[in-house]
Amino acid sequence: SKEVMKQMTINFAKPMEACKQELNVPDAVVQDFFN
């Protein structure tokens, strides 16, 4: 269901954000990853 996907994305995105800030990954790389 959409709601489950949304929750998974949110749960996945939080640690991703932390990693991104630690590694200083540009947003473009993250966008590529999600597309």
PDB file of N, CA and C in Angstrom:
ATOM      1  N   SER A   1       0.829  -1.205   0.000  1.00  0.00           N
ATOM      2  CA  SER A   1       0.000   0.000   0.000  1.00  0.00           C
ATOM      3  C   SER A   1       0.862   1.252   0.000  1.00  0.00           C
ATOM      4  N   LYS A   2       0.275   2.350  -0.399  1.00  0.00           N
ATOM      5  CA  LYS A   2       1.011   3.620  -0.445  1.00  0.00           C
ATOM      6  C   LYS A   2       1.512   4.019   0.936  1.00  0.00           C
ATOM      7  N   GLU A   3       0.666   3.812   1.930  1.00  0.00           N
ATOM      8  CA  GLU A   3       1.018   4.234   3.297  1.00  0.00           C
ATOM      9  C   GLU A   3       2.251   3.487   3.801  1.00  0.00           C
ATOM     10  N   VAL A   4       2.315   2.195   3.509  1.00  0.00           N
ATOM     11  CA  VAL A   4       3.472   1.393   3.925  1.00  0.00           C
ATOM     12  C   VAL A   4       4.733   1.906   3.248  1.00  0.00           C
ATOM     13  N   MET A   5       4.631   2.159   1.951  1.00  0.00           N
ATOM     14  CA  MET A   5       5.782   2.683   1.210  1.00  0.00           C
ATOM     15  C   MET A   5       6.237   4.010   1.801  1.00  0.00           C
ATOM     16  N   LYS A   6       5.269   4.855   2.143  1.00  0.00           N
ATOM     17  CA  LYS A   6       5.586   6.163   2.709  1.00  0.00           C
ATOM     18  C   LYS A   6       6.352   5.989   4.022  1.00  0.00           C
ATOM     19  N   GLN A   7       5.860   5.108   4.885  1.00  0.00           N
ATOM     20  CA  GLN A   7       6.526   4.863   6.166  1.00  0.00           C
ATOM     21  C   GLN A   7       7.938   4.330   5.949  1.00  0.00           C
ATOM     22  N   MET A   8       8.086   3.396   5.034  1.00  0.00           N
ATOM     23  CA  MET A   8       9.406   2.835   4.743  1.00  0.00           C
ATOM     24  C   MET A   8      10.342   3.924   4.253  1.00  0.00           C
ATOM     25  N   THR A   9       9.832   4.772   3.383  1.00  0.00           N
ATOM     26  CA  THR A   9      10.649   5.861   2.837  1.00  0.00           C
ATOM     27  C   THR A   9      11.087   6.798   3.946  1.00  0.00           C
ATOM     28  N   ILE A  10      10.155   7.135   4.831  1.00  0.00           N
ATOM     29  CA  ILE A  10      10.479   8.035   5.944  1.00  0.00           C
ATOM     30  C   ILE A  10      11.514   7.382   6.855  1.00  0.00           C
ATOM     31  N   ASN A  11      11.288   6.122   7.201  1.00  0.00           N
ATOM     32  CA  ASN A  11      12.219   5.418   8.085  1.00  0.00           C
ATOM     33  C   ASN A  11      13.585   5.274   7.441  1.00  0.00           C
ATOM     34  N   PHE A  12      13.603   5.132   6.125  1.00  0.00           N
ATOM     35  CA  PHE A  12      14.851   4.988   5.387  1.00  0.00           C
ATOM     36  C   PHE A  12      15.538   6.334   5.219  1.00  0.00           C
ATOM     37  N   ALA A  13      14.737   7.380   5.047  1.00  0.00           N
ATOM     38  CA  ALA A  13      15.289   8.709   4.760  1.00  0.00           C
ATOM     39  C   ALA A  13      15.987   9.316   5.973  1.00  0.00           C
ATOM     40  N   LYS A  14      15.507   9.019   7.168  1.00  0.00           N
ATOM     41  CA  LYS A  14      16.109   9.617   8.366  1.00  0.00           C
ATOM     42  C   LYS A  14      17.577   9.245   8.510  1.00  0.00           C
ATOM     43  N   PRO A  15      17.917   7.950   8.534  1.00  0.00           N
ATOM     44  CA  PRO A  15      19.353   7.613   8.605  1.00  0.00           C
ATOM     45  C   PRO A  15      20.114   8.096   7.378  1.00  0.00           C
ATOM     46  N   MET A  16      19.442   8.106   6.218  1.00  0.00           N
ATOM     47  CA  MET A  16      20.088   8.611   4.999  1.00  0.00           C
ATOM     48  C   MET A  16      20.514  10.062   5.186  1.00  0.00           C
ATOM     49  N   GLU A  17      19.628  10.869   5.758  1.00  0.00           N
ATOM     50  CA  GLU A  17      19.936  12.280   6.006  1.00  0.00           C
ATOM     51  C   GLU A  17      21.158  12.409   6.900  1.00  0.00           C
ATOM     52  N   ALA A  18      21.195  11.614   7.970  1.00  0.00           N
ATOM     53  CA  ALA A  18      22.321  11.670   8.902  1.00  0.00           C
ATOM     54  C   ALA A  18      23.615  11.292   8.189  1.00  0.00           C
ATOM     55  N   CYS A  19      23.564  10.226   7.407  1.00  0.00           N
ATOM     56  CA  CYS A  19      24.743   9.781   6.651  1.00  0.00           C
ATOM     57  C   CYS A  19      25.182  10.867   5.681  1.00  0.00           C
ATOM     58  N   LYS A  20      24.213  11.429   4.997  1.00  0.00           N
ATOM     59  CA  LYS A  20      24.492  12.449   3.989  1.00  0.00           C
ATOM     60  C   LYS A  20      25.236  13.621   4.614  1.00  0.00           C
ATOM     61  N   GLN A  21      24.773  14.044   5.781  1.00  0.00           N
ATOM     62  CA  GLN A  21      25.414  15.176   6.447  1.00  0.00           C
ATOM     63  C   GLN A  21      26.818  14.803   6.909  1.00  0.00           C
ATOM     64  N   GLU A  22      26.989  13.582   7.412  1.00  0.00           N
ATOM     65  CA  GLU A  22      28.306  13.142   7.867  1.00  0.00           C
ATOM     66  C   GLU A  22      29.281  13.050   6.711  1.00  0.00           C
ATOM     67  N   LEU A  23      28.795  12.461   5.604  1.00  0.00           N
ATOM     68  CA  LEU A  23      29.669  12.252   4.447  1.00  0.00           C
ATOM     69  C   LEU A  23      29.720  13.471   3.546  1.00  0.00           C
ATOM     70  N   ASN A  24      28.801  14.418   3.809  1.00  0.00           N
ATOM     71  CA  ASN A  24      28.731  15.639   3.004  1.00  0.00           C
ATOM     72  C   ASN A  24      28.459  15.308   1.536  1.00  0.00           C
ATOM     73  N   VAL A  25      27.466  14.442   1.330  1.00  0.00           N
ATOM     74  CA  VAL A  25      27.095  14.025  -0.024  1.00  0.00           C
ATOM     75  C   VAL A  25      26.190  15.090  -0.641  1.00  0.00           C
ATOM     76  N   PRO A  26      26.467  15.510  -1.866  1.00  0.00           N
ATOM     77  CA  PRO A  26      25.586  16.494  -2.505  1.00  0.00           C
ATOM     78  C   PRO A  26      24.202  15.916  -2.779  1.00  0.00           C
ATOM     79  N   ASP A  27      23.187  16.777  -2.765  1.00  0.00           N
ATOM     80  CA  ASP A  27      21.805  16.337  -2.977  1.00  0.00           C
ATOM     81  C   ASP A  27      21.613  15.655  -4.321  1.00  0.00           C
ATOM     82  N   ALA A  28      22.372  16.056  -5.319  1.00  0.00           N
ATOM     83  CA  ALA A  28      22.237  15.473  -6.656  1.00  0.00           C
ATOM     84  C   ALA A  28      22.480  13.967  -6.611  1.00  0.00           C
ATOM     85  N   VAL A  29      23.452  13.553  -5.815  1.00  0.00           N
ATOM     86  CA  VAL A  29      23.759  12.124  -5.695  1.00  0.00           C
ATOM     87  C   VAL A  29      22.578  11.393  -5.078  1.00  0.00           C
ATOM     88  N   VAL A  30      21.987  11.992  -4.065  1.00  0.00           N
ATOM     89  CA  VAL A  30      20.838  11.381  -3.400  1.00  0.00           C
ATOM     90  C   VAL A  30      19.661  11.306  -4.364  1.00  0.00           C
ATOM     91  N   GLN A  31      19.448  12.352  -5.135  1.00  0.00           N
ATOM     92  CA  GLN A  31      18.362  12.351  -6.118  1.00  0.00           C
ATOM     93  C   GLN A  31      18.559  11.227  -7.130  1.00  0.00           C
ATOM     94  N   ASP A  32      19.776  11.056  -7.598  1.00  0.00           N
ATOM     95  CA  ASP A  32      20.078   9.963  -8.528  1.00  0.00           C
ATOM     96  C   ASP A  32      19.722   8.629  -7.893  1.00  0.00           C
ATOM     97  N   PHE A  33      20.046   8.495  -6.631  1.00  0.00           N
ATOM     98  CA  PHE A  33      19.807   7.254  -5.905  1.00  0.00           C
ATOM     99  C   PHE A  33      18.320   6.929  -5.847  1.00  0.00           C
ATOM    100  N   PHE A  34      17.486   7.944  -5.647  1.00  0.00           N
ATOM    101  CA  PHE A  34      16.047   7.721  -5.513  1.00  0.00           C
ATOM    102  C   PHE A  34      15.346   7.567  -6.855  1.00  0.00           C
ATOM    103  N   ASN A  35      15.957   7.986  -7.948  1.00  0.00           N
ATOM    104  CA  ASN A  35      15.294   7.916  -9.253  1.00  0.00           C
ATOM    105  C   ASN A  35      15.583   6.642  -9.995  1.00  0.00           C
TER     106      ASN A  35
END
